[in-house]
């Protein structure tokens, strides 16, 4: 296979980065080691918190750190960059401007995956961090694609943040009922597909064995695009 090494700008969060690498492997049609994607990984866990900055709780922008990491990955030989974090999409332009190689847009890939999964889709629910919702990256992308974005009510969003931070990031279990309640809430508000627009929720989907066709996983969308950009074949 033609193998274009991917630079994985990771650590945001660390577990999501490891899970993303696993999904790239899982989604690659490979019969031998050499059929897999070459990866350069910078699992930079000390990058400032994205949500804290976006909601005004921290003065420390992750943007300059991420831009420097992207430059390091390019210098190391990466031919394109994948960032397995949705909240970090708010800094996409800053990262892309720092390098001369493509940076995959996880939001665009997820919107495209949702439209492919649900024919005739008109509205998408967004399960994400407060930072992603505040930045409205998914809202803008959905509207540009002719879709209506649907966000959780405040009480439900508070529990989504708890599942992400007190659950997955803290290494604590999350009950399936809580996840299902958030998804059902968005369906009841008119969403034809529910986007897992946080990579920690992607981990949770696997942990809870969620396989609903209308629950669209952003990390899987990013992983699939990574495989094809690297020159690999999808399973």
Protein backbone atom coordinates (compact mmCIF):
# COMPACT_ATOMS: atom_id res chain seq x y z
CA UNK A 1 0.00 0.00 0.00
CA UNK A 2 1.00 3.63 -0.43
CA UNK A 3 1.70 4.64 3.15
CA UNK A 4 1.56 8.33 3.99
CA UNK A 5 2.42 8.64 7.70
CA UNK A 6 -0.20 10.35 9.83
CA UNK A 7 0.84 12.68 12.61
CA UNK A 8 -1.52 12.20 15.55
CA UNK A 9 -1.73 15.34 17.66
CA UNK A 10 -2.99 13.64 20.78
CA UNK A 11 -3.21 13.75 24.53
CA UNK A 12 -6.49 15.65 24.39
CA UNK A 13 -7.43 13.38 26.05
CA UNK A 14 -4.80 10.66 26.43
CA UNK A 15 -7.22 7.74 26.50
CA UNK A 16 -9.03 9.04 23.43
CA UNK A 17 -5.71 9.10 21.57
CA UNK A 18 -5.00 5.46 22.41
CA UNK A 19 -8.55 4.51 21.45
CA UNK A 20 -8.23 6.42 18.16
CA UNK A 21 -5.10 4.47 17.26
CA UNK A 22 -6.98 1.25 17.96
CA UNK A 23 -9.85 2.32 15.72
CA UNK A 24 -7.45 3.12 12.88
CA UNK A 25 -6.13 -0.42 13.20
CA UNK A 26 -9.62 -1.92 13.46
CA UNK A 27 -10.87 -0.09 10.37
CA UNK A 28 -7.90 -0.99 8.18
CA UNK A 29 -8.26 -3.93 5.81
CA UNK A 30 -4.92 -5.55 6.61
CA UNK A 31 -3.59 -9.07 6.27
CA UNK A 32 -0.05 -8.24 7.39
CA UNK A 33 1.78 -5.61 9.44
CA UNK A 34 2.80 -3.68 6.33
CA UNK A 35 -0.84 -3.06 5.37
CA UNK A 36 -1.39 -0.87 8.43
CA UNK A 37 -1.04 2.89 8.69
CA UNK A 38 2.27 4.39 9.81
CA UNK A 39 1.63 6.71 12.76
CA UNK A 40 3.71 9.42 14.42
CA UNK A 41 2.09 10.06 17.79
CA UNK A 42 2.55 13.01 20.14
CA UNK A 43 0.38 12.16 23.13
CA UNK A 44 0.74 15.60 24.71
CA UNK A 45 -1.42 15.30 27.81
CA UNK A 46 -0.26 18.60 29.35
CA UNK A 47 -1.88 20.74 26.64
CA UNK A 48 -4.12 23.29 28.44
CA UNK A 49 -7.74 22.22 28.83
CA UNK A 50 -9.75 23.18 25.76
CA UNK A 51 -13.14 23.58 27.39
CA UNK A 52 -11.77 25.60 30.33
CA UNK A 53 -10.30 28.12 27.89
CA UNK A 54 -13.34 28.29 25.62
CA UNK A 55 -15.81 28.92 28.45
CA UNK A 56 -13.54 31.52 30.08
CA UNK A 57 -12.42 29.50 33.10
CA UNK A 58 -8.73 29.55 32.10
CA UNK A 59 -6.49 32.16 30.43
CA UNK A 60 -4.28 29.46 28.90
CA UNK A 61 -5.03 28.89 25.23
CA UNK A 62 -4.18 25.45 23.89
CA UNK A 63 -3.90 26.87 20.37
CA UNK A 64 -0.21 27.89 20.37
CA UNK A 65 0.81 24.59 21.98
CA UNK A 66 -1.16 22.59 19.44
CA UNK A 67 0.33 24.63 16.58
CA UNK A 68 3.84 23.89 17.83
CA UNK A 69 3.00 20.20 18.18
CA UNK A 70 1.75 20.17 14.59
CA UNK A 71 5.03 21.68 13.40
CA UNK A 72 6.97 19.03 15.30
CA UNK A 73 4.91 16.26 13.70
CA UNK A 74 5.49 17.74 10.26
CA UNK A 75 9.24 17.94 10.88
CA UNK A 76 9.17 14.32 12.04
CA UNK A 77 7.80 13.24 8.67
CA UNK A 78 4.01 13.31 8.97
CA UNK A 79 2.22 13.85 5.65
CA UNK A 80 -1.04 14.91 7.28
CA UNK A 81 -2.37 15.45 10.79
CA UNK A 82 -5.30 13.99 12.73
CA UNK A 83 -6.44 15.55 16.00
CA UNK A 84 -8.62 13.10 17.96
CA UNK A 85 -10.44 15.79 19.93
CA UNK A 86 -13.60 17.64 18.93
CA UNK A 87 -13.24 20.56 21.33
CA UNK A 88 -9.81 21.23 19.82
CA UNK A 89 -11.56 21.89 16.51
CA UNK A 90 -12.04 25.45 17.75
CA UNK A 91 -8.30 25.86 17.15
CA UNK A 92 -8.27 24.14 13.74
CA UNK A 93 -7.38 27.28 11.79
CA UNK A 94 -4.46 28.06 14.09
CA UNK A 95 -3.09 24.53 13.76
CA UNK A 96 -3.61 24.37 10.00
CA UNK A 97 -1.85 27.71 9.51
CA UNK A 98 1.23 26.40 11.34
CA UNK A 99 1.99 23.61 8.86
CA UNK A 100 2.19 22.92 5.14
CA UNK A 101 0.41 19.56 5.36
CA UNK A 102 -3.34 18.84 5.59
CA UNK A 103 -5.12 18.72 8.95
CA UNK A 104 -8.23 16.53 8.89
CA UNK A 105 -11.41 18.34 9.91
CA UNK A 106 -13.13 15.96 12.35
CA UNK A 107 -16.33 18.01 12.30
CA UNK A 108 -16.75 17.84 8.53
CA UNK A 109 -16.00 14.12 8.54
CA UNK A 110 -18.62 13.52 11.23
CA UNK A 111 -21.30 15.53 9.45
CA UNK A 112 -20.61 13.56 6.27
CA UNK A 113 -20.80 10.27 8.19
CA UNK A 114 -24.16 11.27 9.68
CA UNK A 115 -25.63 12.08 6.27
CA UNK A 116 -24.40 8.73 4.95
CA UNK A 117 -25.84 6.85 7.93
CA UNK A 118 -29.30 8.44 7.86
CA UNK A 119 -30.74 9.12 4.37
CA UNK A 120 -32.90 12.23 4.26
CA UNK A 121 -31.36 13.57 7.47
CA UNK A 122 -32.59 17.04 8.41
CA UNK A 123 -31.49 17.58 12.02
CA UNK A 124 -28.51 16.40 14.08
CA UNK A 125 -28.20 16.21 17.85
CA UNK A 126 -24.85 17.21 19.33
CA UNK A 127 -23.42 15.48 22.39
CA UNK A 128 -20.26 17.39 23.21
CA UNK A 129 -18.36 19.35 25.81
CA UNK A 130 -19.47 22.79 26.91
CA UNK A 131 -16.46 24.13 25.00
CA UNK A 132 -17.54 22.59 21.71
CA UNK A 133 -21.09 23.86 22.17
CA UNK A 134 -19.82 27.33 23.09
CA UNK A 135 -17.56 27.43 20.02
CA UNK A 136 -20.49 26.27 17.82
CA UNK A 137 -18.19 24.36 15.47
CA UNK A 138 -20.80 21.66 14.92
CA UNK A 139 -23.65 24.15 14.76
CA UNK A 140 -21.98 26.02 11.89
CA UNK A 141 -21.01 22.86 10.02
CA UNK A 142 -24.51 21.43 10.35
CA UNK A 143 -26.15 24.59 9.03
CA UNK A 144 -23.67 24.76 6.14
CA UNK A 145 -24.73 21.21 5.24
CA UNK A 146 -28.42 22.16 5.33
CA UNK A 147 -29.02 20.48 8.70
CA UNK A 148 -30.59 21.83 11.87
CA UNK A 149 -28.31 21.52 14.93
CA UNK A 150 -29.95 20.33 18.15
CA UNK A 151 -28.20 20.81 21.49
CA UNK A 152 -29.18 19.33 24.87
CA UNK A 153 -31.08 21.30 27.47
CA UNK A 154 -28.97 22.60 30.36
CA UNK A 155 -29.79 19.77 32.78
CA UNK A 156 -28.94 17.09 30.24
CA UNK A 157 -25.78 18.92 29.17
CA UNK A 158 -24.61 18.99 32.77
CA UNK A 159 -24.88 15.19 32.87
CA UNK A 160 -23.09 14.88 29.52
CA UNK A 161 -20.17 16.84 30.99
CA UNK A 162 -20.24 14.58 34.05
CA UNK A 163 -20.10 11.47 31.88
CA UNK A 164 -17.09 12.93 30.06
CA UNK A 165 -15.10 14.38 32.96
CA UNK A 166 -16.24 12.44 36.05
CA UNK A 167 -16.66 9.24 34.05
CA UNK A 168 -14.36 8.55 31.10
CA UNK A 169 -11.57 11.04 31.84
CA UNK A 170 -11.51 9.97 35.50
CA UNK A 171 -11.51 6.27 34.63
CA UNK A 172 -14.86 5.71 36.31
CA UNK A 173 -17.77 3.62 34.94
CA UNK A 174 -20.84 5.29 33.45
CA UNK A 175 -24.24 3.60 33.49
CA UNK A 176 -25.83 2.81 30.12
CA UNK A 177 -29.08 4.44 31.26
CA UNK A 178 -27.37 7.85 31.49
CA UNK A 179 -25.97 7.59 27.97
CA UNK A 180 -29.29 6.39 26.55
CA UNK A 181 -31.16 9.20 28.30
CA UNK A 182 -28.99 11.84 26.63
CA UNK A 183 -29.45 10.25 23.20
CA UNK A 184 -33.22 9.88 23.67
CA UNK A 185 -33.46 13.50 24.80
CA UNK A 186 -32.00 14.68 21.49
CA UNK A 187 -34.15 12.30 19.46
CA UNK A 188 -37.21 13.66 21.26
CA UNK A 189 -36.10 17.18 20.26
CA UNK A 190 -36.17 16.15 16.61
CA UNK A 191 -32.66 14.88 15.90
CA UNK A 192 -32.56 12.23 13.18
CA UNK A 193 -28.97 11.40 14.10
CA UNK A 194 -27.04 11.96 17.30
CA UNK A 195 -23.40 12.96 16.93
CA UNK A 196 -20.91 11.79 19.53
CA UNK A 197 -18.99 15.02 19.18
CA UNK A 198 -16.56 14.28 21.99
CA UNK A 199 -13.93 11.57 21.72
CA UNK A 200 -14.49 10.47 25.31
CA UNK A 201 -18.07 9.68 24.32
CA UNK A 202 -16.64 7.51 21.55
CA UNK A 203 -14.84 5.48 24.21
CA UNK A 204 -18.07 5.27 26.19
CA UNK A 205 -19.98 4.05 23.14
CA UNK A 206 -17.61 1.10 22.87
CA UNK A 207 -17.60 0.41 26.60
CA UNK A 208 -21.41 0.31 26.62
CA UNK A 209 -21.68 -1.64 23.32
CA UNK A 210 -23.90 1.00 21.71
CA UNK A 211 -24.60 0.08 18.08
CA UNK A 212 -27.59 2.28 17.13
CA UNK A 213 -27.16 3.25 13.47
CA UNK A 214 -28.26 6.83 14.15
CA UNK A 215 -25.58 7.37 16.82
CA UNK A 216 -22.67 8.67 14.76
CA UNK A 217 -19.19 8.40 16.23
CA UNK A 218 -16.84 11.29 15.42
CA UNK A 219 -13.74 9.28 16.28
CA UNK A 220 -14.71 6.52 13.84
CA UNK A 221 -15.30 9.15 11.15
CA UNK A 222 -11.84 10.58 11.80
CA UNK A 223 -10.25 7.12 11.87
CA UNK A 224 -11.84 6.13 8.55
CA UNK A 225 -10.59 9.29 6.88
CA UNK A 226 -7.13 8.70 8.35
CA UNK A 227 -6.95 5.23 6.82
CA UNK A 228 -7.89 6.44 3.35
CA UNK A 229 -5.60 9.50 3.45
CA UNK A 230 -2.71 7.25 4.45
CA UNK A 231 -3.37 5.09 1.41
CA UNK A 232 -4.93 2.18 3.26
CA UNK A 233 -8.08 0.19 2.55
CA UNK A 234 -11.13 0.29 4.79
CA UNK A 235 -12.68 -2.92 6.07
